[in-house]
Amino acid sequence: MATMEGLREIVKEGYKKWAEENEKTASELRAISEAAKEMTEEEIKQYYEELQFKYFTASFLKTSLNMYEKMQEETQENIQNEE
């Protein structure tokens, strides 16, 4: 069973990782903001469209992976039920 100190360490490490990820995201957003100051309106629109496409692609792939994993689980359950 985990001790209170062990749980504190887990929470501390989780928070540290979360803070690092947020700082990375904040740094990326600051860099994008600085770059956007020098972009034309057309370049900004194109960049936004690319981001939308990347988000759509990532979302589609995640959904597809989830469906594939669920089908694998169901297939495995069916095999076990038949045995």
PDB file of N, CA and C in Angstrom:
ATOM      1  N   MET A   1       0.850  -1.171   0.000  1.00  0.00           N
ATOM      2  CA  MET A   1       0.000   0.000   0.000  1.00  0.00           C
ATOM      3  C   MET A   1       0.898   1.238   0.000  1.00  0.00           C
ATOM      4  N   ALA A   2       0.496   2.259  -0.744  1.00  0.00           N
ATOM      5  CA  ALA A   2       1.282   3.483  -0.850  1.00  0.00           C
ATOM      6  C   ALA A   2       1.197   4.276   0.448  1.00  0.00           C
ATOM      7  N   THR A   3       2.331   4.824   0.837  1.00  0.00           N
ATOM      8  CA  THR A   3       2.337   5.667   2.032  1.00  0.00           C
ATOM      9  C   THR A   3       1.962   7.089   1.645  1.00  0.00           C
ATOM     10  N   MET A   4       1.670   7.908   2.654  1.00  0.00           N
ATOM     11  CA  MET A   4       1.333   9.303   2.405  1.00  0.00           C
ATOM     12  C   MET A   4       2.501  10.014   1.736  1.00  0.00           C
ATOM     13  N   GLU A   5       3.719   9.716   2.165  1.00  0.00           N
ATOM     14  CA  GLU A   5       4.906  10.343   1.570  1.00  0.00           C
ATOM     15  C   GLU A   5       5.037   9.945   0.105  1.00  0.00           C
ATOM     16  N   GLY A   6       4.759   8.682  -0.192  1.00  0.00           N
ATOM     17  CA  GLY A   6       4.798   8.219  -1.576  1.00  0.00           C
ATOM     18  C   GLY A   6       3.766   8.929  -2.430  1.00  0.00           C
ATOM     19  N   LEU A   7       2.573   9.112  -1.880  1.00  0.00           N
ATOM     20  CA  LEU A   7       1.523   9.832  -2.602  1.00  0.00           C
ATOM     21  C   LEU A   7       1.916  11.287  -2.837  1.00  0.00           C
ATOM     22  N   ARG A   8       2.549  11.891  -1.819  1.00  0.00           N
ATOM     23  CA  ARG A   8       3.003  13.278  -1.985  1.00  0.00           C
ATOM     24  C   ARG A   8       4.015  13.384  -3.124  1.00  0.00           C
ATOM     25  N   GLU A   9       4.924  12.413  -3.199  1.00  0.00           N
ATOM     26  CA  GLU A   9       5.935  12.416  -4.263  1.00  0.00           C
ATOM     27  C   GLU A   9       5.286  12.269  -5.636  1.00  0.00           C
ATOM     28  N   ILE A  10       4.288  11.402  -5.725  1.00  0.00           N
ATOM     29  CA  ILE A  10       3.584  11.207  -6.999  1.00  0.00           C
ATOM     30  C   ILE A  10       2.904  12.510  -7.426  1.00  0.00           C
ATOM     31  N   VAL A  11       2.221  13.159  -6.485  1.00  0.00           N
ATOM     32  CA  VAL A  11       1.545  14.424  -6.785  1.00  0.00           C
ATOM     33  C   VAL A  11       2.567  15.492  -7.165  1.00  0.00           C
ATOM     34  N   LYS A  12       3.665  15.539  -6.421  1.00  0.00           N
ATOM     35  CA  LYS A  12       4.715  16.528  -6.687  1.00  0.00           C
ATOM     36  C   LYS A  12       5.293  16.340  -8.090  1.00  0.00           C
ATOM     37  N   GLU A  13       5.589  15.092  -8.466  1.00  0.00           N
ATOM     38  CA  GLU A  13       6.134  14.806  -9.797  1.00  0.00           C
ATOM     39  C   GLU A  13       5.114  15.121 -10.887  1.00  0.00           C
ATOM     40  N   GLY A  14       3.853  14.788 -10.640  1.00  0.00           N
ATOM     41  CA  GLY A  14       2.798  15.090 -11.604  1.00  0.00           C
ATOM     42  C   GLY A  14       2.651  16.584 -11.815  1.00  0.00           C
ATOM     43  N   TYR A  15       2.693  17.343 -10.718  1.00  0.00           N
ATOM     44  CA  TYR A  15       2.586  18.800 -10.831  1.00  0.00           C
ATOM     45  C   TYR A  15       3.787  19.369 -11.574  1.00  0.00           C
ATOM     46  N   LYS A  16       4.971  18.841 -11.273  1.00  0.00           N
ATOM     47  CA  LYS A  16       6.194  19.313 -11.936  1.00  0.00           C
ATOM     48  C   LYS A  16       6.098  19.088 -13.448  1.00  0.00           C
ATOM     49  N   LYS A  17       5.638  17.907 -13.841  1.00  0.00           N
ATOM     50  CA  LYS A  17       5.490  17.594 -15.266  1.00  0.00           C
ATOM     51  C   LYS A  17       4.460  18.518 -15.906  1.00  0.00           C
ATOM     52  N   TRP A  18       3.339  18.734 -15.223  1.00  0.00           N
ATOM     53  CA  TRP A  18       2.293  19.620 -15.730  1.00  0.00           C
ATOM     54  C   TRP A  18       2.837  21.033 -15.916  1.00  0.00           C
ATOM     55  N   ALA A  19       3.607  21.528 -14.944  1.00  0.00           N
ATOM     56  CA  ALA A  19       4.170  22.877 -15.024  1.00  0.00           C
ATOM     57  C   ALA A  19       5.149  22.990 -16.191  1.00  0.00           C
ATOM     58  N   GLU A  20       5.974  21.952 -16.395  1.00  0.00           N
ATOM     59  CA  GLU A  20       6.922  21.958 -17.509  1.00  0.00           C
ATOM     60  C   GLU A  20       6.184  21.990 -18.844  1.00  0.00           C
ATOM     61  N   GLU A  21       5.135  21.194 -18.971  1.00  0.00           N
ATOM     62  CA  GLU A  21       4.359  21.160 -20.212  1.00  0.00           C
ATOM     63  C   GLU A  21       3.678  22.504 -20.460  1.00  0.00           C
ATOM     64  N   ASN A  22       3.144  23.114 -19.398  1.00  0.00           N
ATOM     65  CA  ASN A  22       2.496  24.419 -19.546  1.00  0.00           C
ATOM     66  C   ASN A  22       3.499  25.488 -19.942  1.00  0.00           C
ATOM     67  N   GLU A  23       4.708  25.435 -19.377  1.00  0.00           N
ATOM     68  CA  GLU A  23       5.732  26.414 -19.732  1.00  0.00           C
ATOM     69  C   GLU A  23       6.135  26.249 -21.188  1.00  0.00           C
ATOM     70  N   LYS A  24       6.241  25.000 -21.637  1.00  0.00           N
ATOM     71  CA  LYS A  24       6.574  24.744 -23.042  1.00  0.00           C
ATOM     72  C   LYS A  24       5.483  25.317 -23.944  1.00  0.00           C
ATOM     73  N   THR A  25       4.228  25.062 -23.594  1.00  0.00           N
ATOM     74  CA  THR A  25       3.106  25.584 -24.377  1.00  0.00           C
ATOM     75  C   THR A  25       3.114  27.108 -24.367  1.00  0.00           C
ATOM     76  N   ALA A  26       3.359  27.706 -23.213  1.00  0.00           N
ATOM     77  CA  ALA A  26       3.401  29.168 -23.115  1.00  0.00           C
ATOM     78  C   ALA A  26       4.531  29.727 -23.976  1.00  0.00           C
ATOM     79  N   SER A  27       5.677  29.076 -23.961  1.00  0.00           N
ATOM     80  CA  SER A  27       6.806  29.521 -24.787  1.00  0.00           C
ATOM     81  C   SER A  27       6.459  29.445 -26.265  1.00  0.00           C
ATOM     82  N   GLU A  28       5.809  28.350 -26.657  1.00  0.00           N
ATOM     83  CA  GLU A  28       5.406  28.196 -28.057  1.00  0.00           C
ATOM     84  C   GLU A  28       4.406  29.280 -28.454  1.00  0.00           C
ATOM     85  N   LEU A  29       3.462  29.574 -27.567  1.00  0.00           N
ATOM     86  CA  LEU A  29       2.468  30.610 -27.864  1.00  0.00           C
ATOM     87  C   LEU A  29       3.112  31.988 -27.975  1.00  0.00           C
ATOM     88  N   ARG A  30       4.103  32.260 -27.105  1.00  0.00           N
ATOM     89  CA  ARG A  30       4.809  33.544 -27.202  1.00  0.00           C
ATOM     90  C   ARG A  30       5.555  33.642 -28.525  1.00  0.00           C
ATOM     91  N   ALA A  31       6.198  32.548 -28.942  1.00  0.00           N
ATOM     92  CA  ALA A  31       6.931  32.543 -30.213  1.00  0.00           C
ATOM     93  C   ALA A  31       5.979  32.756 -31.389  1.00  0.00           C
ATOM     94  N   ILE A  32       4.824  32.098 -31.352  1.00  0.00           N
ATOM     95  CA  ILE A  32       3.824  32.263 -32.419  1.00  0.00           C
ATOM     96  C   ILE A  32       3.329  33.705 -32.446  1.00  0.00           C
ATOM     97  N   SER A  33       3.084  34.272 -31.272  1.00  0.00           N
ATOM     98  CA  SER A  33       2.605  35.647 -31.183  1.00  0.00           C
ATOM     99  C   SER A  33       3.620  36.620 -31.782  1.00  0.00           C
ATOM    100  N   GLU A  34       4.896  36.414 -31.478  1.00  0.00           N
ATOM    101  CA  GLU A  34       5.942  37.275 -32.033  1.00  0.00           C
ATOM    102  C   GLU A  34       6.025  37.121 -33.543  1.00  0.00           C
ATOM    103  N   ALA A  35       5.940  35.884 -34.017  1.00  0.00           N
ATOM    104  CA  ALA A  35       6.013  35.634 -35.460  1.00  0.00           C
ATOM    105  C   ALA A  35       4.803  36.238 -36.171  1.00  0.00           C
ATOM    106  N   ALA A  36       3.652  36.183 -35.523  1.00  0.00           N
ATOM    107  CA  ALA A  36       2.421  36.695 -36.135  1.00  0.00           C
ATOM    108  C   ALA A  36       2.480  38.203 -36.352  1.00  0.00           C
ATOM    109  N   LYS A  37       3.260  38.895 -35.539  1.00  0.00           N
ATOM    110  CA  LYS A  37       3.384  40.348 -35.700  1.00  0.00           C
ATOM    111  C   LYS A  37       3.974  40.702 -37.062  1.00  0.00           C
ATOM    112  N   GLU A  38       4.783  39.786 -37.603  1.00  0.00           N
ATOM    113  CA  GLU A  38       5.446  40.043 -38.875  1.00  0.00           C
ATOM    114  C   GLU A  38       4.726  39.398 -40.059  1.00  0.00           C
ATOM    115  N   MET A  39       3.661  38.664 -39.794  1.00  0.00           N
ATOM    116  CA  MET A  39       2.940  37.976 -40.865  1.00  0.00           C
ATOM    117  C   MET A  39       1.909  38.899 -41.510  1.00  0.00           C
ATOM    118  N   THR A  40       1.653  38.624 -42.773  1.00  0.00           N
ATOM    119  CA  THR A  40       0.564  39.323 -43.453  1.00  0.00           C
ATOM    120  C   THR A  40      -0.746  38.638 -43.071  1.00  0.00           C
ATOM    121  N   GLU A  41      -1.846  39.282 -43.381  1.00  0.00           N
ATOM    122  CA  GLU A  41      -3.153  38.694 -43.075  1.00  0.00           C
ATOM    123  C   GLU A  41      -3.318  37.353 -43.785  1.00  0.00           C
ATOM    124  N   GLU A  42      -2.849  37.264 -45.018  1.00  0.00           N
ATOM    125  CA  GLU A  42      -2.957  36.016 -45.786  1.00  0.00           C
ATOM    126  C   GLU A  42      -2.129  34.902 -45.143  1.00  0.00           C
ATOM    127  N   GLU A  43      -0.933  35.229 -44.665  1.00  0.00           N
ATOM    128  CA  GLU A  43      -0.086  34.231 -44.003  1.00  0.00           C
ATOM    129  C   GLU A  43      -0.734  33.739 -42.714  1.00  0.00           C
ATOM    130  N   ILE A  44      -1.362  34.644 -41.984  1.00  0.00           N
ATOM    131  CA  ILE A  44      -2.044  34.261 -40.740  1.00  0.00           C
ATOM    132  C   ILE A  44      -3.214  33.331 -41.044  1.00  0.00           C
ATOM    133  N   LYS A  45      -3.992  33.656 -42.079  1.00  0.00           N
ATOM    134  CA  LYS A  45      -5.112  32.787 -42.471  1.00  0.00           C
ATOM    135  C   LYS A  45      -4.612  31.400 -42.854  1.00  0.00           C
ATOM    136  N   GLN A  46      -3.529  31.345 -43.630  1.00  0.00           N
ATOM    137  CA  GLN A  46      -2.975  30.056 -44.058  1.00  0.00           C
ATOM    138  C   GLN A  46      -2.483  29.259 -42.852  1.00  0.00           C
ATOM    139  N   TYR A  47      -1.799  29.926 -41.927  1.00  0.00           N
ATOM    140  CA  TYR A  47      -1.300  29.263 -40.723  1.00  0.00           C
ATOM    141  C   TYR A  47      -2.467  28.709 -39.902  1.00  0.00           C
ATOM    142  N   TYR A  48      -3.531  29.506 -39.767  1.00  0.00           N
ATOM    143  CA  TYR A  48      -4.714  29.078 -39.024  1.00  0.00           C
ATOM    144  C   TYR A  48      -5.347  27.852 -39.676  1.00  0.00           C
ATOM    145  N   GLU A  49      -5.445  27.856 -41.007  1.00  0.00           N
ATOM    146  CA  GLU A  49      -6.007  26.707 -41.725  1.00  0.00           C
ATOM    147  C   GLU A  49      -5.156  25.459 -41.513  1.00  0.00           C
ATOM    148  N   GLU A  50      -3.835  25.627 -41.509  1.00  0.00           N
ATOM    149  CA  GLU A  50      -2.941  24.490 -41.264  1.00  0.00           C
ATOM    150  C   GLU A  50      -3.147  23.936 -39.858  1.00  0.00           C
ATOM    151  N   LEU A  51      -3.291  24.838 -38.882  1.00  0.00           N
ATOM    152  CA  LEU A  51      -3.538  24.385 -37.508  1.00  0.00           C
ATOM    153  C   LEU A  51      -4.854  23.631 -37.405  1.00  0.00           C
ATOM    154  N   GLN A  52      -5.889  24.140 -38.071  1.00  0.00           N
ATOM    155  CA  GLN A  52      -7.187  23.456 -38.059  1.00  0.00           C
ATOM    156  C   GLN A  52      -7.056  22.061 -38.661  1.00  0.00           C
ATOM    157  N   PHE A  53      -6.325  21.950 -39.766  1.00  0.00           N
ATOM    158  CA  PHE A  53      -6.151  20.655 -40.418  1.00  0.00           C
ATOM    159  C   PHE A  53      -5.390  19.694 -39.505  1.00  0.00           C
ATOM    160  N   LYS A  54      -4.333  20.191 -38.854  1.00  0.00           N
ATOM    161  CA  LYS A  54      -3.558  19.342 -37.938  1.00  0.00           C
ATOM    162  C   LYS A  54      -4.434  18.861 -36.790  1.00  0.00           C
ATOM    163  N   TYR A  55      -5.262  19.768 -36.241  1.00  0.00           N
ATOM    164  CA  TYR A  55      -6.149  19.394 -35.143  1.00  0.00           C
ATOM    165  C   TYR A  55      -7.153  18.350 -35.611  1.00  0.00           C
ATOM    166  N   PHE A  56      -7.741  18.570 -36.787  1.00  0.00           N
ATOM    167  CA  PHE A  56      -8.707  17.621 -37.332  1.00  0.00           C
ATOM    168  C   PHE A  56      -8.053  16.260 -37.537  1.00  0.00           C
ATOM    169  N   THR A  57      -6.850  16.264 -38.113  1.00  0.00           N
ATOM    170  CA  THR A  57      -6.140  15.010 -38.371  1.00  0.00           C
ATOM    171  C   THR A  57      -5.849  14.279 -37.067  1.00  0.00           C
ATOM    172  N   ALA A  58      -5.347  15.009 -36.065  1.00  0.00           N
ATOM    173  CA  ALA A  58      -5.037  14.389 -34.778  1.00  0.00           C
ATOM    174  C   ALA A  58      -6.299  13.830 -34.131  1.00  0.00           C
ATOM    175  N   SER A  59      -7.382  14.578 -34.200  1.00  0.00           N
ATOM    176  CA  SER A  59      -8.649  14.134 -33.626  1.00  0.00           C
ATOM    177  C   SER A  59      -9.158  12.886 -34.343  1.00  0.00           C
ATOM    178  N   PHE A  60      -9.078  12.896 -35.662  1.00  0.00           N
ATOM    179  CA  PHE A  60      -9.519  11.752 -36.457  1.00  0.00           C
ATOM    180  C   PHE A  60      -8.687  10.513 -36.127  1.00  0.00           C
ATOM    181  N   LEU A  61      -7.363  10.683 -36.048  1.00  0.00           N
ATOM    182  CA  LEU A  61      -6.495   9.545 -35.743  1.00  0.00           C
ATOM    183  C   LEU A  61      -6.759   9.005 -34.342  1.00  0.00           C
ATOM    184  N   LYS A  62      -6.988   9.896 -33.385  1.00  0.00           N
ATOM    185  CA  LYS A  62      -7.276   9.459 -32.017  1.00  0.00           C
ATOM    186  C   LYS A  62      -8.581   8.673 -31.974  1.00  0.00           C
ATOM    187  N   THR A  63      -9.597   9.175 -32.652  1.00  0.00           N
ATOM    188  CA  THR A  63     -10.887   8.481 -32.706  1.00  0.00           C
ATOM    189  C   THR A  63     -10.736   7.122 -33.372  1.00  0.00           C
ATOM    190  N   SER A  64      -9.984   7.081 -34.467  1.00  0.00           N
ATOM    191  CA  SER A  64      -9.762   5.819 -35.180  1.00  0.00           C
ATOM    192  C   SER A  64      -9.033   4.819 -34.300  1.00  0.00           C
ATOM    193  N   LEU A  65      -8.018   5.287 -33.583  1.00  0.00           N
ATOM    194  CA  LEU A  65      -7.266   4.403 -32.695  1.00  0.00           C
ATOM    195  C   LEU A  65      -8.166   3.866 -31.591  1.00  0.00           C
ATOM    196  N   ASN A  66      -8.994   4.728 -31.010  1.00  0.00           N
ATOM    197  CA  ASN A  66      -9.916   4.283 -29.960  1.00  0.00           C
ATOM    198  C   ASN A  66     -10.882   3.223 -30.486  1.00  0.00           C
ATOM    199  N   MET A  67     -11.404   3.435 -31.699  1.00  0.00           N
ATOM    200  CA  MET A  67     -12.322   2.464 -32.299  1.00  0.00           C
ATOM    201  C   MET A  67     -11.600   1.138 -32.550  1.00  0.00           C
ATOM    202  N   TYR A  68     -10.371   1.210 -33.051  1.00  0.00           N
ATOM    203  CA  TYR A  68      -9.588   0.004 -33.323  1.00  0.00           C
ATOM    204  C   TYR A  68      -9.331  -0.774 -32.034  1.00  0.00           C
ATOM    205  N   GLU A  69      -8.947  -0.058 -30.972  1.00  0.00           N
ATOM    206  CA  GLU A  69      -8.687  -0.721 -29.692  1.00  0.00           C
ATOM    207  C   GLU A  69      -9.958  -1.366 -29.150  1.00  0.00           C
ATOM    208  N   LYS A  70     -11.088  -0.684 -29.285  1.00  0.00           N
ATOM    209  CA  LYS A  70     -12.360  -1.247 -28.811  1.00  0.00           C
ATOM    210  C   LYS A  70     -12.712  -2.504 -29.604  1.00  0.00           C
ATOM    211  N   MET A  71     -12.516  -2.464 -30.922  1.00  0.00           N
ATOM    212  CA  MET A  71     -12.791  -3.641 -31.751  1.00  0.00           C
ATOM    213  C   MET A  71     -11.876  -4.799 -31.358  1.00  0.00           C
ATOM    214  N   GLN A  72     -10.614  -4.500 -31.053  1.00  0.00           N
ATOM    215  CA  GLN A  72      -9.690  -5.547 -30.623  1.00  0.00           C
ATOM    216  C   GLN A  72     -10.164  -6.181 -29.321  1.00  0.00           C
ATOM    217  N   GLU A  73     -10.597  -5.333 -28.375  1.00  0.00           N
ATOM    218  CA  GLU A  73     -11.092  -5.844 -27.095  1.00  0.00           C
ATOM    219  C   GLU A  73     -12.309  -6.738 -27.308  1.00  0.00           C
ATOM    220  N   GLU A  74     -13.244  -6.286 -28.147  1.00  0.00           N
ATOM    221  CA  GLU A  74     -14.450  -7.066 -28.407  1.00  0.00           C
ATOM    222  C   GLU A  74     -14.109  -8.384 -29.094  1.00  0.00           C
ATOM    223  N   THR A  75     -13.175  -8.349 -30.026  1.00  0.00           N
ATOM    224  CA  THR A  75     -12.754  -9.575 -30.711  1.00  0.00           C
ATOM    225  C   THR A  75     -12.141 -10.543 -29.715  1.00  0.00           C
ATOM    226  N   GLN A  76     -11.299 -10.024 -28.825  1.00  0.00           N
ATOM    227  CA  GLN A  76     -10.660 -10.871 -27.815  1.00  0.00           C
ATOM    228  C   GLN A  76     -11.711 -11.476 -26.889  1.00  0.00           C
ATOM    229  N   GLU A  77     -12.702 -10.670 -26.498  1.00  0.00           N
ATOM    230  CA  GLU A  77     -13.776 -11.177 -25.639  1.00  0.00           C
ATOM    231  C   GLU A  77     -14.571 -12.264 -26.356  1.00  0.00           C
ATOM    232  N   ASN A  78     -14.858 -12.059 -27.642  1.00  0.00           N
ATOM    233  CA  ASN A  78     -15.595 -13.058 -28.416  1.00  0.00           C
ATOM    234  C   ASN A  78     -14.815 -14.363 -28.513  1.00  0.00           C
ATOM    235  N   ILE A  79     -13.517 -14.264 -28.717  1.00  0.00           N
ATOM    236  CA  ILE A  79     -12.671 -15.464 -28.799  1.00  0.00           C
ATOM    237  C   ILE A  79     -12.707 -16.209 -27.473  1.00  0.00           C
ATOM    238  N   GLN A  80     -12.594 -15.463 -26.364  1.00  0.00           N
ATOM    239  CA  GLN A  80     -12.609 -16.093 -25.048  1.00  0.00           C
ATOM    240  C   GLN A  80     -13.969 -16.722 -24.759  1.00  0.00           C
ATOM    241  N   ASN A  81     -15.040 -16.080 -25.186  1.00  0.00           N
ATOM    242  CA  ASN A  81     -16.380 -16.616 -24.956  1.00  0.00           C
ATOM    243  C   ASN A  81     -16.624 -17.890 -25.755  1.00  0.00           C
ATOM    244  N   GLU A  82     -16.031 -17.981 -26.938  1.00  0.00           N
ATOM    245  CA  GLU A  82     -16.201 -19.167 -27.774  1.00  0.00           C
ATOM    246  C   GLU A  82     -15.419 -20.361 -27.246  1.00  0.00           C
ATOM    247  N   GLU A  83     -14.359 -20.096 -26.502  1.00  0.00           N
ATOM    248  CA  GLU A  83     -13.519 -21.200 -25.992  1.00  0.00           C
ATOM    249  C   GLU A  83     -14.121 -21.909 -24.838  1.00  0.00           C
TER     250      GLU A  83
END
